[in-house]
Protein backbone atom coordinates (compact mmCIF):
# COMPACT_ATOMS: atom_id res chain seq x y z
CA MET A 1 -0.19 0.13 0.07
CA PHE A 2 0.96 3.67 -0.82
CA ARG A 3 2.63 5.46 2.09
CA LYS A 4 3.40 9.12 2.35
CA PRO A 5 6.87 8.68 3.87
CA LEU A 6 7.74 6.62 0.67
CA LEU A 7 6.64 9.29 -1.86
CA PRO A 8 10.41 11.11 -2.19
CA GLY A 9 11.99 7.59 -2.69
CA ILE A 10 9.36 6.76 -5.51
CA VAL A 11 9.80 9.94 -6.95
CA TRP A 12 13.57 9.53 -6.98
CA THR A 13 13.36 6.17 -8.41
CA MET A 14 11.36 7.40 -11.42
CA LEU A 15 14.02 10.17 -11.84
CA ILE A 16 16.74 7.44 -11.85
CA VAL A 17 14.71 5.45 -14.55
CA LEU A 18 14.31 8.32 -16.85
CA LEU A 19 18.01 9.10 -16.52
CA THR A 20 18.81 5.54 -17.13
CA LEU A 21 16.70 5.69 -20.30
CA ILE A 22 18.77 8.51 -21.86
CA PRO A 23 20.49 7.29 -25.11
CA GLY A 24 24.07 6.63 -24.96
CA ASN A 25 25.43 9.29 -27.25
CA TYR A 26 24.31 12.06 -24.58
CA ILE A 27 26.32 10.57 -21.99
CA PRO A 28 29.98 10.71 -21.34
CA ARG A 29 32.08 7.29 -21.71
CA VAL A 30 34.02 5.89 -18.82
CA SER A 31 35.22 2.45 -19.43
CA THR A 32 38.62 1.74 -17.26
CA PHE A 33 39.16 1.40 -13.65
CA LEU A 34 41.59 4.61 -14.10
CA ASP A 35 38.80 6.90 -14.96
CA TRP A 36 36.71 5.73 -12.02
CA LEU A 37 36.04 9.07 -10.49
CA GLY A 38 34.90 10.54 -13.87
CA PRO A 39 31.60 12.57 -14.11
CA ASP A 40 29.65 9.36 -14.70
CA LYS A 41 31.00 7.88 -11.56
CA LEU A 42 29.87 11.00 -9.56
CA VAL A 43 26.53 10.97 -10.96
CA HIS A 44 26.09 7.47 -9.82
CA PHE A 45 27.42 8.48 -6.25
CA PHE A 46 24.88 11.28 -5.95
CA LEU A 47 21.78 9.39 -7.51
CA PHE A 48 22.23 6.39 -5.11
CA GLY A 49 23.22 8.40 -2.39
CA ILE A 50 20.19 10.58 -2.08
CA TYR A 51 18.17 7.32 -3.09
CA ALA A 52 19.44 5.28 -0.10
CA PHE A 53 18.67 8.46 2.38
CA LEU A 54 15.06 8.79 0.82
CA LEU A 55 14.33 5.06 1.06
CA LEU A 56 15.85 4.75 4.64
CA GLU A 57 13.67 7.69 5.74
CA GLY A 58 10.46 6.52 4.05
CA PHE A 59 10.91 3.16 5.50
CA SER A 60 12.07 4.08 9.16
CA ARG A 61 8.91 6.21 9.29
CA HIS A 62 6.60 3.61 7.79
CA GLN A 63 3.84 2.20 9.89
CA ALA A 64 4.25 -1.43 8.97
CA PRO A 65 6.07 -3.00 11.91
CA PHE A 66 8.55 -5.30 9.75
CA ILE A 67 9.16 -2.23 7.30
CA HIS A 68 9.72 0.25 10.09
CA LYS A 69 12.19 -1.96 12.18
CA ASN A 70 14.28 -2.96 9.09
CA PRO A 71 14.72 0.11 6.86
CA VAL A 72 18.33 -0.75 6.46
CA PHE A 73 18.09 -4.43 5.07
CA ILE A 74 14.96 -3.43 2.99
CA SER A 75 16.36 -0.10 1.53
CA PHE A 76 19.67 -1.91 0.78
CA SER A 77 18.15 -4.95 -0.73
CA ILE A 78 16.06 -2.61 -3.12
CA GLY A 79 19.18 -0.22 -4.05
CA MET A 80 21.19 -3.24 -4.94
CA VAL A 81 18.56 -5.06 -7.24
CA PHE A 82 17.66 -1.59 -8.62
CA ALA A 83 21.42 -0.97 -9.28
CA ILE A 84 21.81 -4.47 -10.96
CA PHE A 85 18.41 -3.54 -12.95
CA THR A 86 19.59 -0.28 -14.11
CA GLU A 87 23.17 -1.61 -15.31
CA VAL A 88 21.49 -4.74 -17.06
CA ALA A 89 18.72 -2.50 -18.67
CA GLN A 90 21.85 -0.18 -19.92
CA ARG A 91 23.84 -3.16 -21.18
CA TYR A 92 20.99 -5.06 -23.06
CA VAL A 93 17.99 -2.88 -23.60
CA ILE A 94 19.11 0.82 -23.83
CA TYR A 95 20.62 1.72 -26.98
CA GLY A 96 24.10 3.29 -27.05
CA ARG A 97 24.43 2.42 -23.16
CA ASN A 98 26.85 0.20 -21.73
CA GLY A 99 26.11 -1.17 -18.21
CA ASN A 100 29.35 -2.19 -16.37
CA PRO A 101 30.50 -3.46 -12.97
CA TYR A 102 31.97 -0.10 -12.00
CA ASP A 103 28.87 1.56 -12.49
CA PHE A 104 27.29 -1.03 -10.17
CA MET A 105 30.20 -0.35 -7.55
CA ALA A 106 29.54 3.46 -7.57
CA ASP A 107 26.21 3.10 -7.08
CA MET A 108 26.48 0.83 -4.08
CA LEU A 109 29.32 3.32 -2.72
CA GLY A 110 26.69 6.03 -3.32
CA TRP A 111 24.11 3.83 -1.30
CA VAL A 112 26.78 3.54 1.48
CA ILE A 113 27.43 7.16 1.56
CA GLY A 114 23.53 7.80 1.64
CA PHE A 115 23.30 5.48 4.45
CA MET A 116 26.03 7.38 6.74
CA VAL A 117 24.47 10.71 5.91
CA TRP A 118 21.18 9.23 7.16
CA ARG A 119 22.90 7.42 10.32
CA THR A 120 24.23 10.72 11.13
CA TYR A 121 20.79 12.70 10.74
CA GLN A 122 19.12 9.88 12.76
CA ARG A 123 21.41 10.37 15.47
CA ASN A 124 21.49 14.16 15.50
CA ASP A 125 17.59 14.00 15.35
CA LYS A 126 17.51 11.70 18.47
CA LYS A 127 19.88 13.94 20.11
CA LYS A 128 17.60 16.78 19.79
CA LEU A 129 14.63 15.04 20.94
CA SER A 130 16.37 13.95 24.16
CA THR A 131 17.52 17.46 25.14
C-alpha cells in the first residue's frame, strides 16, 4: 500500500529510471578503472546516495512493523536490485548505453554514503529529542 513517507523515494526512483533511459550518445564514456572518478561515476554516487537516504527515511517512518524495524536491510536490498537492474537494462536494452560493474560499484558506494548521512541525521535527530 502507498504511504506518504515513501513518496520522495518513489519520485527519485522514477528520476533514476528516466536518466537510465537517456540514449548513450548524450552520456560521457568511462570504461576503465583509472577513470573511476569521472563525471559518470559521480552521478552514480549522487543519485544512489540520495536514493538510499530517501528510502531509509521513508522506511524508518513507515507504519508496518517489519518495514519500520528493518529500513537498512530493505533499502539496501532494493538499492542493490535496482542498481543491477539499471546496469543490465543499460547493457542489453537501452541503445547506445553500456552498463558495467564499475557503475554498479559506484551505485553501491553512493548507497553507503547515503546510509552514513542518514545515520548521522538519525543520531542528531535523537539528540535533539532527548534534550
